[in-house]
Every structure is written in C-alpha cells, then in structure tokens.
Amino acid sequence: MSKQAQYLKLASLNKIIVEGRDRVDEQQTRVMMLADLPDCRDAVVLLQALQRSMRLVSWHRAKLVEELVGGGTAARLDGVEACSMG
C-alpha cells in the first residue's frame, strides 16, 4: 500500500474511532437508563460487541501508525495496542 493510501486509511480510521466513541457513550447512557428493566441483557451484549469492535479498530489504527513511522515500538494502553514514538 502506498504512503498516500495509508494516510487516507488512517484518516478514515480516525473518523470511525471518533464516531464510534460517541456512539459508545450514547449507548452506555441508554443501557444505564434500561438497567432496571428485566430485558436489558440484549442491550448490554450489543454494547459489549460495539466496545470490542472499537478496540479492534483502534488496534488496527495503531498497527497502521506503527507501519507509517517505520516500525515504532508498540505499547499497551487500556488493553489496546498503540504506537509509542518516544
């Protein structure tokens, strides 16, 4: 993949991550409001799936950043692999 294509992919992933974080925050609020209902389990399972998906997208972004900076060292942050440039 060319550098230009990698940077376009990185921009796309950044947008997905920002939108995903907003969605997770919204869904967490909704799940908390439903916590008293007996059928809340489905909402919790779906929220957990969304959170796992966000961790995967963040991991993929970190690998792309690592590739762009020429094999920077990887560090663990909040259970998600991220690139450490320092």
C-alpha atoms as a PDB file:
ATOM      1  CA  MET A   1       0.000   0.000   0.000  1.00  0.00           C
ATOM      2  CA  SER A   2       1.371   3.432  -0.911  1.00  0.00           C
ATOM      3  CA  LYS A   3       2.037   6.077   1.746  1.00  0.00           C
ATOM      4  CA  GLN A   4      -0.803   8.178   0.367  1.00  0.00           C
ATOM      5  CA  ALA A   5      -3.208   5.228   0.624  1.00  0.00           C
ATOM      6  CA  GLN A   6      -2.010   4.533   4.161  1.00  0.00           C
ATOM      7  CA  TYR A   7      -2.634   8.125   5.220  1.00  0.00           C
ATOM      8  CA  LEU A   8      -6.098   8.050   3.653  1.00  0.00           C
ATOM      9  CA  LYS A   9      -6.834   4.833   5.537  1.00  0.00           C
ATOM     10  CA  LEU A  10      -5.520   6.404   8.746  1.00  0.00           C
ATOM     11  CA  ALA A  11      -7.819   9.413   8.277  1.00  0.00           C
ATOM     12  CA  SER A  12     -10.747   7.070   7.698  1.00  0.00           C
ATOM     13  CA  LEU A  13      -9.933   5.045  10.816  1.00  0.00           C
ATOM     14  CA  ASN A  14      -9.593   8.226  12.871  1.00  0.00           C
ATOM     15  CA  LYS A  15     -13.079   9.300  11.782  1.00  0.00           C
ATOM     16  CA  ILE A  16     -14.518   5.861  12.593  1.00  0.00           C
ATOM     17  CA  ILE A  17     -12.898   5.931  16.038  1.00  0.00           C
ATOM     18  CA  VAL A  18     -14.256   9.390  16.880  1.00  0.00           C
ATOM     19  CA  GLU A  19     -17.759   8.474  15.716  1.00  0.00           C
ATOM     20  CA  GLY A  20     -17.520   5.107  17.474  1.00  0.00           C
ATOM     21  CA  ARG A  21     -16.530   6.678  20.789  1.00  0.00           C
ATOM     22  CA  ASP A  22     -19.513   8.996  20.554  1.00  0.00           C
ATOM     23  CA  ARG A  23     -21.776   6.025  19.818  1.00  0.00           C
ATOM     24  CA  VAL A  24     -20.380   4.022  22.747  1.00  0.00           C
ATOM     25  CA  ASP A  25     -21.015   6.981  25.072  1.00  0.00           C
ATOM     26  CA  GLU A  26     -24.607   7.291  23.802  1.00  0.00           C
ATOM     27  CA  GLN A  27     -25.254   3.573  24.164  1.00  0.00           C
ATOM     28  CA  GLN A  28     -23.747   3.427  27.651  1.00  0.00           C
ATOM     29  CA  THR A  29     -26.154   6.169  28.711  1.00  0.00           C
ATOM     30  CA  ARG A  30     -29.093   4.266  27.218  1.00  0.00           C
ATOM     31  CA  VAL A  31     -28.057   0.987  28.828  1.00  0.00           C
ATOM     32  CA  MET A  32     -27.820   2.714  32.202  1.00  0.00           C
ATOM     33  CA  MET A  33     -31.361   4.020  31.743  1.00  0.00           C
ATOM     34  CA  LEU A  34     -32.557   0.474  30.915  1.00  0.00           C
ATOM     35  CA  ALA A  35     -30.678  -1.154  33.783  1.00  0.00           C
ATOM     36  CA  ASP A  36     -33.856  -1.571  35.846  1.00  0.00           C
ATOM     37  CA  LEU A  37     -35.704  -3.420  33.084  1.00  0.00           C
ATOM     38  CA  PRO A  38     -35.660  -7.227  33.064  1.00  0.00           C
ATOM     39  CA  ASP A  39     -34.795  -7.472  29.336  1.00  0.00           C
ATOM     40  CA  CYS A  40     -31.708  -5.252  29.488  1.00  0.00           C
ATOM     41  CA  ARG A  41     -29.342  -8.178  28.769  1.00  0.00           C
ATOM     42  CA  ASP A  42     -29.580  -7.763  24.980  1.00  0.00           C
ATOM     43  CA  ALA A  43     -28.630  -4.100  25.215  1.00  0.00           C
ATOM     44  CA  VAL A  44     -25.617  -4.963  27.389  1.00  0.00           C
ATOM     45  CA  VAL A  45     -24.465  -7.664  24.953  1.00  0.00           C
ATOM     46  CA  LEU A  46     -24.763  -5.297  21.993  1.00  0.00           C
ATOM     47  CA  LEU A  47     -22.850  -2.567  23.837  1.00  0.00           C
ATOM     48  CA  GLN A  48     -20.070  -5.031  24.657  1.00  0.00           C
ATOM     49  CA  ALA A  49     -19.888  -6.062  20.981  1.00  0.00           C
ATOM     50  CA  LEU A  50     -19.600  -2.401  19.975  1.00  0.00           C
ATOM     51  CA  GLN A  51     -16.816  -1.885  22.522  1.00  0.00           C
ATOM     52  CA  ARG A  52     -14.918  -4.933  21.203  1.00  0.00           C
ATOM     53  CA  SER A  53     -15.276  -3.611  17.656  1.00  0.00           C
ATOM     54  CA  MET A  54     -13.882  -0.248  18.744  1.00  0.00           C
ATOM     55  CA  ARG A  55     -10.880  -1.941  20.371  1.00  0.00           C
ATOM     56  CA  LEU A  56     -10.238  -3.828  17.126  1.00  0.00           C
ATOM     57  CA  VAL A  57     -10.426  -0.647  15.022  1.00  0.00           C
ATOM     58  CA  SER A  58      -8.093   1.108  17.477  1.00  0.00           C
ATOM     59  CA  TRP A  59      -5.647  -1.799  17.312  1.00  0.00           C
ATOM     60  CA  HIS A  60      -5.736  -1.724  13.501  1.00  0.00           C
ATOM     61  CA  ARG A  61      -5.088   2.034  13.550  1.00  0.00           C
ATOM     62  CA  ALA A  62      -2.138   1.538  15.916  1.00  0.00           C
ATOM     63  CA  LYS A  63      -0.613  -1.056  13.575  1.00  0.00           C
ATOM     64  CA  LEU A  64      -1.023   1.312  10.629  1.00  0.00           C
ATOM     65  CA  VAL A  65       0.624   4.167  12.574  1.00  0.00           C
ATOM     66  CA  GLU A  66       3.444   1.829  13.547  1.00  0.00           C
ATOM     67  CA  GLU A  67       3.943   0.931   9.895  1.00  0.00           C
ATOM     68  CA  LEU A  68       3.896   4.608   8.857  1.00  0.00           C
ATOM     69  CA  VAL A  69       6.536   5.650  11.393  1.00  0.00           C
ATOM     70  CA  GLY A  70       8.793   2.849  10.298  1.00  0.00           C
ATOM     71  CA  GLY A  71       8.261   0.160  12.872  1.00  0.00           C
ATOM     72  CA  GLY A  72       7.949   2.217  16.053  1.00  0.00           C
ATOM     73  CA  THR A  73       7.721   0.311  19.294  1.00  0.00           C
ATOM     74  CA  ALA A  74       4.293  -0.873  20.403  1.00  0.00           C
ATOM     75  CA  ALA A  75       2.966  -0.208  23.880  1.00  0.00           C
ATOM     76  CA  ARG A  76      -0.157  -1.425  25.705  1.00  0.00           C
ATOM     77  CA  LEU A  77      -2.657   1.253  26.688  1.00  0.00           C
ATOM     78  CA  ASP A  78      -6.028   0.344  28.190  1.00  0.00           C
ATOM     79  CA  GLY A  79      -5.935  -3.102  26.601  1.00  0.00           C
ATOM     80  CA  VAL A  80      -5.363  -1.701  23.104  1.00  0.00           C
ATOM     81  CA  GLU A  81      -2.042  -1.882  21.322  1.00  0.00           C
ATOM     82  CA  ALA A  82      -0.847   1.601  20.405  1.00  0.00           C
ATOM     83  CA  CYS A  83       2.282   3.024  18.852  1.00  0.00           C
ATOM     84  CA  SER A  84       4.816   4.683  21.101  1.00  0.00           C
ATOM     85  CA  MET A  85       7.009   7.200  19.311  1.00  0.00           C
ATOM     86  CA  GLY A  86       9.023   8.315  22.268  1.00  0.00           C
END
